[in-house]
Amino acid sequence: MIYHGFNDDADRHLAILRERIRDREASSWKQLALGFGFSGVIFSLLALIFLLSY
């Protein structure tokens, strides 16, 4: 009975850790996508300026 309760607590702790890791991965993916979006906009503006200068 004691082991069963300990096992439940360990499972709950593991679930909390997995959820935190998942949240951290999701936020890093959002930052990465935002970075690629901004770099894409800047790159396209530079290409447009380069093409219009000719």
PDB file of N, CA and C in Angstrom:
ATOM      1  N   MET A   1       0.832  -1.202   0.000  1.00  0.00           N
ATOM      2  CA  MET A   1       0.000   0.000   0.000  1.00  0.00           C
ATOM      3  C   MET A   1       0.871   1.259   0.000  1.00  0.00           C
ATOM      4  N   ILE A   2       1.913   1.232   0.807  1.00  0.00           N
ATOM      5  CA  ILE A   2       2.808   2.386   0.849  1.00  0.00           C
ATOM      6  C   ILE A   2       3.504   2.542  -0.502  1.00  0.00           C
ATOM      7  N   TYR A   3       3.954   1.424  -1.056  1.00  0.00           N
ATOM      8  CA  TYR A   3       4.638   1.463  -2.348  1.00  0.00           C
ATOM      9  C   TYR A   3       3.703   1.967  -3.438  1.00  0.00           C
ATOM     10  N   HIS A   4       2.428   1.576  -3.348  1.00  0.00           N
ATOM     11  CA  HIS A   4       1.465   2.015  -4.350  1.00  0.00           C
ATOM     12  C   HIS A   4       1.304   3.537  -4.305  1.00  0.00           C
ATOM     13  N   GLY A   5       1.214   4.112  -3.106  1.00  0.00           N
ATOM     14  CA  GLY A   5       1.099   5.562  -2.973  1.00  0.00           C
ATOM     15  C   GLY A   5       2.340   6.270  -3.472  1.00  0.00           C
ATOM     16  N   PHE A   6       3.494   5.694  -3.158  1.00  0.00           N
ATOM     17  CA  PHE A   6       4.749   6.284  -3.620  1.00  0.00           C
ATOM     18  C   PHE A   6       4.817   6.250  -5.143  1.00  0.00           C
ATOM     19  N   ASN A   7       4.354   5.150  -5.712  1.00  0.00           N
ATOM     20  CA  ASN A   7       4.368   5.011  -7.162  1.00  0.00           C
ATOM     21  C   ASN A   7       3.442   6.050  -7.808  1.00  0.00           C
ATOM     22  N   ASP A   8       2.284   6.288  -7.197  1.00  0.00           N
ATOM     23  CA  ASP A   8       1.371   7.303  -7.722  1.00  0.00           C
ATOM     24  C   ASP A   8       2.012   8.688  -7.685  1.00  0.00           C
ATOM     25  N   ASP A   9       2.693   8.998  -6.565  1.00  0.00           N
ATOM     26  CA  ASP A   9       3.360  10.300  -6.461  1.00  0.00           C
ATOM     27  C   ASP A   9       4.459  10.432  -7.508  1.00  0.00           C
ATOM     28  N   ALA A  10       5.208   9.358  -7.723  1.00  0.00           N
ATOM     29  CA  ALA A  10       6.280   9.395  -8.722  1.00  0.00           C
ATOM     30  C   ALA A  10       5.691   9.581 -10.123  1.00  0.00           C
ATOM     31  N   ASP A  11       4.596   8.882 -10.395  1.00  0.00           N
ATOM     32  CA  ASP A  11       3.952   9.035 -11.707  1.00  0.00           C
ATOM     33  C   ASP A  11       3.428  10.457 -11.901  1.00  0.00           C
ATOM     34  N   ARG A  12       2.860  11.027 -10.835  1.00  0.00           N
ATOM     35  CA  ARG A  12       2.340  12.390 -10.921  1.00  0.00           C
ATOM     36  C   ARG A  12       3.488  13.375 -11.165  1.00  0.00           C
ATOM     37  N   HIS A  13       4.599  13.163 -10.450  1.00  0.00           N
ATOM     38  CA  HIS A  13       5.760  14.043 -10.624  1.00  0.00           C
ATOM     39  C   HIS A  13       6.314  13.931 -12.048  1.00  0.00           C
ATOM     40  N   LEU A  14       6.366  12.715 -12.560  1.00  0.00           N
ATOM     41  CA  LEU A  14       6.856  12.496 -13.923  1.00  0.00           C
ATOM     42  C   LEU A  14       5.937  13.161 -14.947  1.00  0.00           C
ATOM     43  N   ALA A  15       4.626  13.081 -14.704  1.00  0.00           N
ATOM     44  CA  ALA A  15       3.673  13.715 -15.615  1.00  0.00           C
ATOM     45  C   ALA A  15       3.849  15.231 -15.604  1.00  0.00           C
ATOM     46  N   ILE A  16       4.090  15.804 -14.414  1.00  0.00           N
ATOM     47  CA  ILE A  16       4.305  17.252 -14.319  1.00  0.00           C
ATOM     48  C   ILE A  16       5.568  17.648 -15.069  1.00  0.00           C
ATOM     49  N   LEU A  17       6.633  16.854 -14.902  1.00  0.00           N
ATOM     50  CA  LEU A  17       7.887  17.151 -15.605  1.00  0.00           C
ATOM     51  C   LEU A  17       7.705  17.067 -17.119  1.00  0.00           C
ATOM     52  N   ARG A  18       6.989  16.039 -17.579  1.00  0.00           N
ATOM     53  CA  ARG A  18       6.750  15.899 -19.026  1.00  0.00           C
ATOM     54  C   ARG A  18       5.957  17.079 -19.565  1.00  0.00           C
ATOM     55  N   GLU A  19       4.972  17.544 -18.773  1.00  0.00           N
ATOM     56  CA  GLU A  19       4.165  18.672 -19.219  1.00  0.00           C
ATOM     57  C   GLU A  19       5.012  19.941 -19.311  1.00  0.00           C
ATOM     58  N   ARG A  20       5.912  20.135 -18.339  1.00  0.00           N
ATOM     59  CA  ARG A  20       6.787  21.313 -18.383  1.00  0.00           C
ATOM     60  C   ARG A  20       7.704  21.261 -19.590  1.00  0.00           C
ATOM     61  N   ILE A  21       8.253  20.080 -19.885  1.00  0.00           N
ATOM     62  CA  ILE A  21       9.137  19.929 -21.039  1.00  0.00           C
ATOM     63  C   ILE A  21       8.362  20.201 -22.328  1.00  0.00           C
ATOM     64  N   ARG A  22       7.119  19.697 -22.392  1.00  0.00           N
ATOM     65  CA  ARG A  22       6.288  19.914 -23.583  1.00  0.00           C
ATOM     66  C   ARG A  22       6.002  21.405 -23.772  1.00  0.00           C
ATOM     67  N   ASP A  23       5.691  22.115 -22.660  1.00  0.00           N
ATOM     68  CA  ASP A  23       5.441  23.552 -22.761  1.00  0.00           C
ATOM     69  C   ASP A  23       6.686  24.292 -23.223  1.00  0.00           C
ATOM     70  N   ARG A  24       7.843  23.890 -22.705  1.00  0.00           N
ATOM     71  CA  ARG A  24       9.092  24.551 -23.080  1.00  0.00           C
ATOM     72  C   ARG A  24       9.396  24.314 -24.557  1.00  0.00           C
ATOM     73  N   GLU A  25       9.166  23.079 -25.030  1.00  0.00           N
ATOM     74  CA  GLU A  25       9.393  22.779 -26.448  1.00  0.00           C
ATOM     75  C   GLU A  25       8.451  23.578 -27.333  1.00  0.00           C
ATOM     76  N   ALA A  26       7.201  23.706 -26.907  1.00  0.00           N
ATOM     77  CA  ALA A  26       6.230  24.460 -27.701  1.00  0.00           C
ATOM     78  C   ALA A  26       6.638  25.925 -27.793  1.00  0.00           C
ATOM     79  N   SER A  27       7.103  26.503 -26.677  1.00  0.00           N
ATOM     80  CA  SER A  27       7.492  27.915 -26.718  1.00  0.00           C
ATOM     81  C   SER A  27       8.743  28.105 -27.565  1.00  0.00           C
ATOM     82  N   SER A  28       9.674  27.152 -27.513  1.00  0.00           N
ATOM     83  CA  SER A  28      10.879  27.301 -28.332  1.00  0.00           C
ATOM     84  C   SER A  28      10.530  27.166 -29.817  1.00  0.00           C
ATOM     85  N   TRP A  29       9.579  26.289 -30.148  1.00  0.00           N
ATOM     86  CA  TRP A  29       9.149  26.171 -31.553  1.00  0.00           C
ATOM     87  C   TRP A  29       8.475  27.455 -32.019  1.00  0.00           C
ATOM     88  N   LYS A  30       7.691  28.082 -31.126  1.00  0.00           N
ATOM     89  CA  LYS A  30       7.043  29.346 -31.496  1.00  0.00           C
ATOM     90  C   LYS A  30       8.087  30.429 -31.737  1.00  0.00           C
ATOM     91  N   GLN A  31       9.105  30.493 -30.867  1.00  0.00           N
ATOM     92  CA  GLN A  31      10.160  31.489 -31.047  1.00  0.00           C
ATOM     93  C   GLN A  31      10.921  31.234 -32.342  1.00  0.00           C
ATOM     94  N   LEU A  32      11.167  29.963 -32.634  1.00  0.00           N
ATOM     95  CA  LEU A  32      11.890  29.612 -33.858  1.00  0.00           C
ATOM     96  C   LEU A  32      11.081  30.017 -35.094  1.00  0.00           C
ATOM     97  N   ALA A  33       9.785  29.723 -35.069  1.00  0.00           N
ATOM     98  CA  ALA A  33       8.931  30.084 -36.204  1.00  0.00           C
ATOM     99  C   ALA A  33       8.858  31.597 -36.363  1.00  0.00           C
ATOM    100  N   LEU A  34       8.787  32.309 -35.239  1.00  0.00           N
ATOM    101  CA  LEU A  34       8.744  33.769 -35.287  1.00  0.00           C
ATOM    102  C   LEU A  34      10.048  34.320 -35.861  1.00  0.00           C
ATOM    103  N   GLY A  35      11.166  33.735 -35.454  1.00  0.00           N
ATOM    104  CA  GLY A  35      12.465  34.165 -35.975  1.00  0.00           C
ATOM    105  C   GLY A  35      12.574  33.934 -37.468  1.00  0.00           C
ATOM    106  N   PHE A  36      12.124  32.763 -37.916  1.00  0.00           N
ATOM    107  CA  PHE A  36      12.159  32.484 -39.353  1.00  0.00           C
ATOM    108  C   PHE A  36      11.223  33.417 -40.109  1.00  0.00           C
ATOM    109  N   GLY A  37      10.094  33.749 -39.516  1.00  0.00           N
ATOM    110  CA  GLY A  37       9.159  34.668 -40.158  1.00  0.00           C
ATOM    111  C   GLY A  37       9.761  36.048 -40.336  1.00  0.00           C
ATOM    112  N   PHE A  38      10.390  36.550 -39.254  1.00  0.00           N
ATOM    113  CA  PHE A  38      11.005  37.875 -39.333  1.00  0.00           C
ATOM    114  C   PHE A  38      12.169  37.892 -40.315  1.00  0.00           C
ATOM    115  N   SER A  39      12.986  36.839 -40.296  1.00  0.00           N
ATOM    116  CA  SER A  39      14.123  36.810 -41.224  1.00  0.00           C
ATOM    117  C   SER A  39      13.624  36.691 -42.663  1.00  0.00           C
ATOM    118  N   GLY A  40      12.521  35.973 -42.870  1.00  0.00           N
ATOM    119  CA  GLY A  40      11.953  35.875 -44.212  1.00  0.00           C
ATOM    120  C   GLY A  40      11.438  37.210 -44.714  1.00  0.00           C
ATOM    121  N   VAL A  41      10.797  37.976 -43.829  1.00  0.00           N
ATOM    122  CA  VAL A  41      10.298  39.300 -44.216  1.00  0.00           C
ATOM    123  C   VAL A  41      11.459  40.226 -44.551  1.00  0.00           C
ATOM    124  N   ILE A  42      12.491  40.212 -43.709  1.00  0.00           N
ATOM    125  CA  ILE A  42      13.654  41.075 -43.958  1.00  0.00           C
ATOM    126  C   ILE A  42      14.345  40.678 -45.258  1.00  0.00           C
ATOM    127  N   PHE A  43      14.490  39.365 -45.475  1.00  0.00           N
ATOM    128  CA  PHE A  43      15.147  38.890 -46.698  1.00  0.00           C
ATOM    129  C   PHE A  43      14.349  39.282 -47.936  1.00  0.00           C
ATOM    130  N   SER A  44      13.029  39.160 -47.861  1.00  0.00           N
ATOM    131  CA  SER A  44      12.215  39.517 -49.024  1.00  0.00           C
ATOM    132  C   SER A  44      12.253  41.024 -49.277  1.00  0.00           C
ATOM    133  N   LEU A  45      12.306  41.834 -48.221  1.00  0.00           N
ATOM    134  CA  LEU A  45      12.425  43.281 -48.414  1.00  0.00           C
ATOM    135  C   LEU A  45      13.763  43.643 -49.041  1.00  0.00           C
ATOM    136  N   LEU A  46      14.830  42.993 -48.594  1.00  0.00           N
ATOM    137  CA  LEU A  46      16.140  43.248 -49.195  1.00  0.00           C
ATOM    138  C   LEU A  46      16.158  42.837 -50.667  1.00  0.00           C
ATOM    139  N   ALA A  47      15.541  41.692 -50.972  1.00  0.00           N
ATOM    140  CA  ALA A  47      15.490  41.239 -52.364  1.00  0.00           C
ATOM    141  C   ALA A  47      14.677  42.215 -53.214  1.00  0.00           C
ATOM    142  N   LEU A  48      13.587  42.730 -52.652  1.00  0.00           N
ATOM    143  CA  LEU A  48      12.759  43.691 -53.382  1.00  0.00           C
ATOM    144  C   LEU A  48      13.531  44.975 -53.654  1.00  0.00           C
ATOM    145  N   ILE A  49      14.244  45.469 -52.652  1.00  0.00           N
ATOM    146  CA  ILE A  49      15.057  46.679 -52.838  1.00  0.00           C
ATOM    147  C   ILE A  49      16.143  46.428 -53.880  1.00  0.00           C
ATOM    148  N   PHE A  50      16.760  45.250 -53.813  1.00  0.00           N
ATOM    149  CA  PHE A  50      17.812  44.907 -54.767  1.00  0.00           C
ATOM    150  C   PHE A  50      17.260  44.847 -56.195  1.00  0.00           C
ATOM    151  N   LEU A  51      16.077  44.259 -56.349  1.00  0.00           N
ATOM    152  CA  LEU A  51      15.489  44.152 -57.683  1.00  0.00           C
ATOM    153  C   LEU A  51      15.005  45.503 -58.194  1.00  0.00           C
ATOM    154  N   LEU A  52      14.490  46.342 -57.301  1.00  0.00           N
ATOM    155  CA  LEU A  52      14.001  47.651 -57.732  1.00  0.00           C
ATOM    156  C   LEU A  52      15.132  48.612 -58.051  1.00  0.00           C
ATOM    157  N   SER A  53      16.312  48.351 -57.497  1.00  0.00           N
ATOM    158  CA  SER A  53      17.436  49.254 -57.770  1.00  0.00           C
ATOM    159  C   SER A  53      17.962  49.067 -59.191  1.00  0.00           C
ATOM    160  N   TYR A  54      17.675  47.941 -59.810  1.00  0.00           N
ATOM    161  CA  TYR A  54      18.127  47.724 -61.188  1.00  0.00           C
ATOM    162  C   TYR A  54      17.162  48.284 -62.196  1.00  0.00           C
TER     163      TYR A  54
END
